[in-house]
Amino acid sequence: MSIERCAEAPAARQVMMIRVEKKIGRGFAGRPYDNVGVQYGLRALFAGDISPAQFVDLNAKVGGVDIDYAGQPMFGVGTDPFGTYAAGGVSFLFSDTLGNHVLATSVQVTNRFDEFGGQLFYLNRTHRWNWGVGVDQTPYISSAFATGFDTVNGQNVYIEREYRIKQIDRGFSGLISYPFNAARRVEFS
């Protein structure tokens, strides 16, 4: 069995990205071509190498996941009474050509690896009932500084204390929605 594919197939994943980027006012360079109207495996169908059902299945699954949006990367370095630090983060949004499968990611890191944060969310819009799942980790860090006097071995001493409180919030989320039209839907999360 041989299946013919058009040489312009990678452009299929780019078409949706270009349209999305144009809508939000950002963008990658536009492509002067797309694959609208291309029927993959047509020669193989006429040659009898594949059945009509295989032809329909092949064209229903054409495409892949590509990047739709890359968030502005962030990086910062600073110092304060508690020390020097560095932090950075980035986010990406991926989807297939039709936007039926969407994957959103974000990552935030610091010079202290135990303060890693991020989010991963998947949204499936292939059927009328849309659903999604996500996981996330968010670190909350607070610091305090206290000074005072205390007695150690019978002597008054000056003491400085640094308090660093770290709380890590880990979560799992789910989403189910049913769109009635372009403007109205019911959603449970």
C-alpha atoms as a PDB file:
ATOM      1  CA  MET A   1       0.000   0.000   0.000  1.00  0.00           C
ATOM      2  CA  SER A   2       1.419   3.403  -0.880  1.00  0.00           C
ATOM      3  CA  ILE A   3       0.062   6.681   0.349  1.00  0.00           C
ATOM      4  CA  GLU A   4       0.940   9.842  -1.545  1.00  0.00           C
ATOM      5  CA  ARG A   5       1.405  13.029   0.423  1.00  0.00           C
ATOM      6  CA  CYS A   6       1.728  16.486  -0.989  1.00  0.00           C
ATOM      7  CA  ALA A   7       5.096  18.232  -0.532  1.00  0.00           C
ATOM      8  CA  GLU A   8       3.299  21.198   1.056  1.00  0.00           C
ATOM      9  CA  ALA A   9       1.940  19.154   4.025  1.00  0.00           C
ATOM     10  CA  PRO A  10       3.965  21.025   6.694  1.00  0.00           C
ATOM     11  CA  ALA A  11       2.174  24.208   5.658  1.00  0.00           C
ATOM     12  CA  ALA A  12      -1.092  22.753   6.972  1.00  0.00           C
ATOM     13  CA  ARG A  13       0.091  23.238  10.525  1.00  0.00           C
ATOM     14  CA  GLN A  14       1.179  26.801   9.794  1.00  0.00           C
ATOM     15  CA  VAL A  15      -2.107  28.069   8.353  1.00  0.00           C
ATOM     16  CA  MET A  16      -3.979  28.081  11.674  1.00  0.00           C
ATOM     17  CA  MET A  17      -1.040  29.678  13.463  1.00  0.00           C
ATOM     18  CA  ILE A  18      -0.907  32.518  10.952  1.00  0.00           C
ATOM     19  CA  ARG A  19      -4.637  33.163  11.317  1.00  0.00           C
ATOM     20  CA  VAL A  20      -4.456  33.132  15.121  1.00  0.00           C
ATOM     21  CA  GLU A  21      -1.429  35.417  15.171  1.00  0.00           C
ATOM     22  CA  LYS A  22      -3.113  37.881  12.821  1.00  0.00           C
ATOM     23  CA  LYS A  23      -6.216  37.981  15.053  1.00  0.00           C
ATOM     24  CA  ILE A  24      -4.217  38.885  18.155  1.00  0.00           C
ATOM     25  CA  GLY A  25      -1.981  41.373  16.383  1.00  0.00           C
ATOM     26  CA  ARG A  26       1.295  39.528  16.617  1.00  0.00           C
ATOM     27  CA  GLY A  27       2.890  37.355  14.202  1.00  0.00           C
ATOM     28  CA  PHE A  28       5.148  35.247  12.306  1.00  0.00           C
ATOM     29  CA  ALA A  29       5.643  35.903   8.625  1.00  0.00           C
ATOM     30  CA  GLY A  30       2.675  34.827   6.547  1.00  0.00           C
ATOM     31  CA  ARG A  31       2.966  31.960   4.109  1.00  0.00           C
ATOM     32  CA  PRO A  32       1.865  32.513   0.502  1.00  0.00           C
ATOM     33  CA  TYR A  33       0.416  28.991   0.286  1.00  0.00           C
ATOM     34  CA  ASP A  34      -1.665  26.529   2.256  1.00  0.00           C
ATOM     35  CA  ASN A  35      -3.152  23.058   1.762  1.00  0.00           C
ATOM     36  CA  VAL A  36      -6.829  23.960   1.436  1.00  0.00           C
ATOM     37  CA  GLY A  37      -8.379  21.560  -1.045  1.00  0.00           C
ATOM     38  CA  VAL A  38      -5.482  19.080  -1.023  1.00  0.00           C
ATOM     39  CA  GLN A  39      -6.640  15.464  -0.884  1.00  0.00           C
ATOM     40  CA  TYR A  40      -3.876  13.259   0.480  1.00  0.00           C
ATOM     41  CA  GLY A  41      -3.690   9.752  -0.982  1.00  0.00           C
ATOM     42  CA  LEU A  42      -5.827  10.565  -4.031  1.00  0.00           C
ATOM     43  CA  ARG A  43      -3.454   8.836  -6.468  1.00  0.00           C
ATOM     44  CA  ALA A  44      -3.303   5.766  -4.215  1.00  0.00           C
ATOM     45  CA  LEU A  45      -7.121   5.698  -4.086  1.00  0.00           C
ATOM     46  CA  PHE A  46      -7.440   5.842  -7.899  1.00  0.00           C
ATOM     47  CA  ALA A  47      -4.704   3.184  -8.249  1.00  0.00           C
ATOM     48  CA  GLY A  48      -6.660   0.888  -5.899  1.00  0.00           C
ATOM     49  CA  ASP A  49      -3.873   0.803  -3.299  1.00  0.00           C
ATOM     50  CA  ILE A  50      -6.166   2.112  -0.543  1.00  0.00           C
ATOM     51  CA  SER A  51      -9.892   1.838   0.064  1.00  0.00           C
ATOM     52  CA  PRO A  52     -12.276   4.826   0.186  1.00  0.00           C
ATOM     53  CA  ALA A  53     -12.525   4.336   3.963  1.00  0.00           C
ATOM     54  CA  GLN A  54      -8.720   4.520   4.299  1.00  0.00           C
ATOM     55  CA  PHE A  55      -8.706   7.649   2.114  1.00  0.00           C
ATOM     56  CA  VAL A  56     -11.286   9.373   4.340  1.00  0.00           C
ATOM     57  CA  ASP A  57      -9.441   8.278   7.491  1.00  0.00           C
ATOM     58  CA  LEU A  58      -6.116   9.565   6.148  1.00  0.00           C
ATOM     59  CA  ASN A  59      -7.497  13.013   5.324  1.00  0.00           C
ATOM     60  CA  ALA A  60      -9.329  13.261   8.658  1.00  0.00           C
ATOM     61  CA  LYS A  61      -6.033  12.771  10.518  1.00  0.00           C
ATOM     62  CA  VAL A  62      -3.813  15.063   8.436  1.00  0.00           C
ATOM     63  CA  GLY A  63      -2.028  17.689  10.461  1.00  0.00           C
ATOM     64  CA  GLY A  64      -0.137  17.794  13.680  1.00  0.00           C
ATOM     65  CA  VAL A  65       0.568  19.953  16.666  1.00  0.00           C
ATOM     66  CA  ASP A  66       2.472  23.171  16.135  1.00  0.00           C
ATOM     67  CA  ILE A  67       3.204  26.274  18.173  1.00  0.00           C
ATOM     68  CA  ASP A  68       0.505  28.946  18.075  1.00  0.00           C
ATOM     69  CA  TYR A  69       1.949  31.368  20.569  1.00  0.00           C
ATOM     70  CA  ALA A  70       5.148  31.882  22.541  1.00  0.00           C
ATOM     71  CA  GLY A  71       4.874  34.179  25.542  1.00  0.00           C
ATOM     72  CA  GLN A  72       7.439  36.869  26.108  1.00  0.00           C
ATOM     73  CA  PRO A  73      10.362  35.231  27.943  1.00  0.00           C
ATOM     74  CA  MET A  74      11.194  36.902  31.235  1.00  0.00           C
ATOM     75  CA  PHE A  75      14.464  36.955  33.140  1.00  0.00           C
ATOM     76  CA  GLY A  76      15.451  39.014  36.163  1.00  0.00           C
ATOM     77  CA  VAL A  77      18.360  39.304  38.576  1.00  0.00           C
ATOM     78  CA  GLY A  78      18.293  41.125  41.882  1.00  0.00           C
ATOM     79  CA  THR A  79      19.594  41.409  45.396  1.00  0.00           C
ATOM     80  CA  ASP A  80      18.016  42.234  48.747  1.00  0.00           C
ATOM     81  CA  PRO A  81      18.817  41.707  52.432  1.00  0.00           C
ATOM     82  CA  PHE A  82      18.144  37.994  51.966  1.00  0.00           C
ATOM     83  CA  GLY A  83      20.667  37.492  49.184  1.00  0.00           C
ATOM     84  CA  THR A  84      21.052  37.516  45.421  1.00  0.00           C
ATOM     85  CA  TYR A  85      18.534  35.808  43.174  1.00  0.00           C
ATOM     86  CA  ALA A  86      17.718  35.140  39.552  1.00  0.00           C
ATOM     87  CA  ALA A  87      14.382  34.126  38.053  1.00  0.00           C
ATOM     88  CA  GLY A  88      12.870  33.531  34.653  1.00  0.00           C
ATOM     89  CA  GLY A  89       9.848  32.156  32.899  1.00  0.00           C
ATOM     90  CA  VAL A  90       8.272  31.406  29.552  1.00  0.00           C
ATOM     91  CA  SER A  91       4.977  30.086  28.191  1.00  0.00           C
ATOM     92  CA  PHE A  92       3.859  28.337  25.013  1.00  0.00           C
ATOM     93  CA  LEU A  93       0.554  27.444  23.379  1.00  0.00           C
ATOM     94  CA  PHE A  94       0.371  24.542  20.923  1.00  0.00           C
ATOM     95  CA  SER A  95      -2.555  23.230  18.883  1.00  0.00           C
ATOM     96  CA  ASP A  96      -3.382  21.173  15.848  1.00  0.00           C
ATOM     97  CA  THR A  97      -4.435  22.707  12.540  1.00  0.00           C
ATOM     98  CA  LEU A  98      -8.117  22.982  13.434  1.00  0.00           C
ATOM     99  CA  GLY A  99      -7.578  23.938  17.073  1.00  0.00           C
ATOM    100  CA  ASN A 100      -9.287  20.784  18.316  1.00  0.00           C
ATOM    101  CA  HIS A 101      -6.378  19.776  20.548  1.00  0.00           C
ATOM    102  CA  VAL A 102      -4.759  22.597  22.543  1.00  0.00           C
ATOM    103  CA  LEU A 103      -1.787  22.288  24.890  1.00  0.00           C
ATOM    104  CA  ALA A 104      -0.767  25.240  27.083  1.00  0.00           C
ATOM    105  CA  THR A 105       2.448  25.260  29.101  1.00  0.00           C
ATOM    106  CA  SER A 106       4.257  27.702  31.339  1.00  0.00           C
ATOM    107  CA  VAL A 107       7.435  27.407  33.386  1.00  0.00           C
ATOM    108  CA  GLN A 108       8.897  29.634  36.079  1.00  0.00           C
ATOM    109  CA  VAL A 109      12.304  28.899  37.612  1.00  0.00           C
ATOM    110  CA  THR A 110      14.603  30.596  40.079  1.00  0.00           C
ATOM    111  CA  ASN A 111      18.173  30.039  41.200  1.00  0.00           C
ATOM    112  CA  ARG A 112      16.684  27.911  43.986  1.00  0.00           C
ATOM    113  CA  PHE A 113      15.487  24.758  42.261  1.00  0.00           C
ATOM    114  CA  ASP A 114      12.987  23.958  45.013  1.00  0.00           C
ATOM    115  CA  GLU A 115      11.012  27.043  43.896  1.00  0.00           C
ATOM    116  CA  PHE A 116      10.100  25.633  40.480  1.00  0.00           C
ATOM    117  CA  GLY A 117       6.639  26.532  39.212  1.00  0.00           C
ATOM    118  CA  GLY A 118       4.682  25.723  36.116  1.00  0.00           C
ATOM    119  CA  GLN A 119       1.443  24.711  34.509  1.00  0.00           C
ATOM    120  CA  LEU A 120       0.391  22.199  31.860  1.00  0.00           C
ATOM    121  CA  PHE A 121      -3.149  22.230  30.436  1.00  0.00           C
ATOM    122  CA  TYR A 122      -4.742  20.151  27.656  1.00  0.00           C
ATOM    123  CA  LEU A 123      -8.052  21.081  25.999  1.00  0.00           C
ATOM    124  CA  ASN A 124      -9.938  18.695  23.695  1.00  0.00           C
ATOM    125  CA  ARG A 125     -12.490  20.360  21.386  1.00  0.00           C
ATOM    126  CA  THR A 126     -13.040  17.518  18.904  1.00  0.00           C
ATOM    127  CA  HIS A 127     -16.696  16.961  19.881  1.00  0.00           C
ATOM    128  CA  ARG A 128     -19.589  19.159  20.935  1.00  0.00           C
ATOM    129  CA  TRP A 129     -18.732  18.538  24.603  1.00  0.00           C
ATOM    130  CA  ASN A 130     -15.309  20.138  25.175  1.00  0.00           C
ATOM    131  CA  TRP A 131     -13.112  18.951  28.038  1.00  0.00           C
ATOM    132  CA  GLY A 132      -9.731  19.738  29.490  1.00  0.00           C
ATOM    133  CA  VAL A 133      -7.371  18.754  32.276  1.00  0.00           C
ATOM    134  CA  GLY A 134      -4.480  20.571  33.869  1.00  0.00           C
ATOM    135  CA  VAL A 135      -1.792  20.275  36.511  1.00  0.00           C
ATOM    136  CA  ASP A 136       0.123  23.068  38.142  1.00  0.00           C
ATOM    137  CA  GLN A 137       2.661  23.870  40.815  1.00  0.00           C
ATOM    138  CA  THR A 138       2.974  27.325  42.333  1.00  0.00           C
ATOM    139  CA  PRO A 139       5.576  28.229  44.960  1.00  0.00           C
ATOM    140  CA  TYR A 140       4.790  30.956  47.500  1.00  0.00           C
ATOM    141  CA  ILE A 141       7.837  32.332  49.270  1.00  0.00           C
ATOM    142  CA  SER A 142       7.843  34.872  52.081  1.00  0.00           C
ATOM    143  CA  SER A 143      10.746  36.114  54.172  1.00  0.00           C
ATOM    144  CA  ALA A 144      11.087  38.053  57.387  1.00  0.00           C
ATOM    145  CA  PHE A 145      13.943  39.446  59.395  1.00  0.00           C
ATOM    146  CA  ALA A 146      13.966  39.911  63.166  1.00  0.00           C
ATOM    147  CA  THR A 147      16.505  41.394  65.549  1.00  0.00           C
ATOM    148  CA  GLY A 148      16.676  41.509  69.296  1.00  0.00           C
ATOM    149  CA  PHE A 149      18.558  40.704  72.443  1.00  0.00           C
ATOM    150  CA  ASP A 150      18.698  37.378  74.263  1.00  0.00           C
ATOM    151  CA  THR A 151      20.658  35.836  77.093  1.00  0.00           C
ATOM    152  CA  VAL A 152      23.165  33.134  76.134  1.00  0.00           C
ATOM    153  CA  ASN A 153      25.352  31.580  78.871  1.00  0.00           C
ATOM    154  CA  GLY A 154      24.452  34.428  81.204  1.00  0.00           C
ATOM    155  CA  GLN A 155      25.441  37.175  78.723  1.00  0.00           C
ATOM    156  CA  ASN A 156      23.201  39.527  76.784  1.00  0.00           C
ATOM    157  CA  VAL A 157      23.792  39.066  73.060  1.00  0.00           C
ATOM    158  CA  TYR A 158      22.438  40.751  69.962  1.00  0.00           C
ATOM    159  CA  ILE A 159      20.662  38.219  67.676  1.00  0.00           C
ATOM    160  CA  GLU A 160      19.593  38.524  64.036  1.00  0.00           C
ATOM    161  CA  ARG A 161      17.170  35.950  62.657  1.00  0.00           C
ATOM    162  CA  GLU A 162      16.056  35.340  59.103  1.00  0.00           C
ATOM    163  CA  TYR A 163      12.787  33.520  58.520  1.00  0.00           C
ATOM    164  CA  ARG A 164      12.037  32.019  55.121  1.00  0.00           C
ATOM    165  CA  ILE A 165       8.661  30.393  54.642  1.00  0.00           C
ATOM    166  CA  LYS A 166       8.006  28.301  51.562  1.00  0.00           C
ATOM    167  CA  GLN A 167       4.613  26.951  50.594  1.00  0.00           C
ATOM    168  CA  ILE A 168       4.142  24.859  47.450  1.00  0.00           C
ATOM    169  CA  ASP A 169       0.644  24.667  46.004  1.00  0.00           C
ATOM    170  CA  ARG A 170       0.106  21.700  43.676  1.00  0.00           C
ATOM    171  CA  GLY A 171      -3.156  21.363  41.875  1.00  0.00           C
ATOM    172  CA  PHE A 172      -5.171  19.393  39.360  1.00  0.00           C
ATOM    173  CA  SER A 173      -8.022  20.972  37.440  1.00  0.00           C
ATOM    174  CA  GLY A 174     -10.662  19.848  35.021  1.00  0.00           C
ATOM    175  CA  LEU A 175     -13.003  21.584  32.621  1.00  0.00           C
ATOM    176  CA  ILE A 176     -16.140  20.521  30.777  1.00  0.00           C
ATOM    177  CA  SER A 177     -18.053  22.905  28.535  1.00  0.00           C
ATOM    178  CA  TYR A 178     -20.886  22.734  26.049  1.00  0.00           C
ATOM    179  CA  PRO A 179     -21.066  25.592  23.519  1.00  0.00           C
ATOM    180  CA  PHE A 180     -24.548  26.629  22.391  1.00  0.00           C
ATOM    181  CA  ASN A 181     -23.240  29.114  19.830  1.00  0.00           C
ATOM    182  CA  ALA A 182     -20.236  31.398  19.330  1.00  0.00           C
ATOM    183  CA  ALA A 183     -21.222  33.618  22.260  1.00  0.00           C
ATOM    184  CA  ARG A 184     -22.881  31.298  24.814  1.00  0.00           C
ATOM    185  CA  ARG A 185     -21.885  28.108  26.563  1.00  0.00           C
ATOM    186  CA  VAL A 186     -22.262  26.294  29.832  1.00  0.00           C
ATOM    187  CA  GLU A 187     -19.026  25.436  31.610  1.00  0.00           C
ATOM    188  CA  PHE A 188     -18.073  23.393  34.678  1.00  0.00           C
ATOM    189  CA  SER A 189     -14.621  23.569  36.199  1.00  0.00           C
END
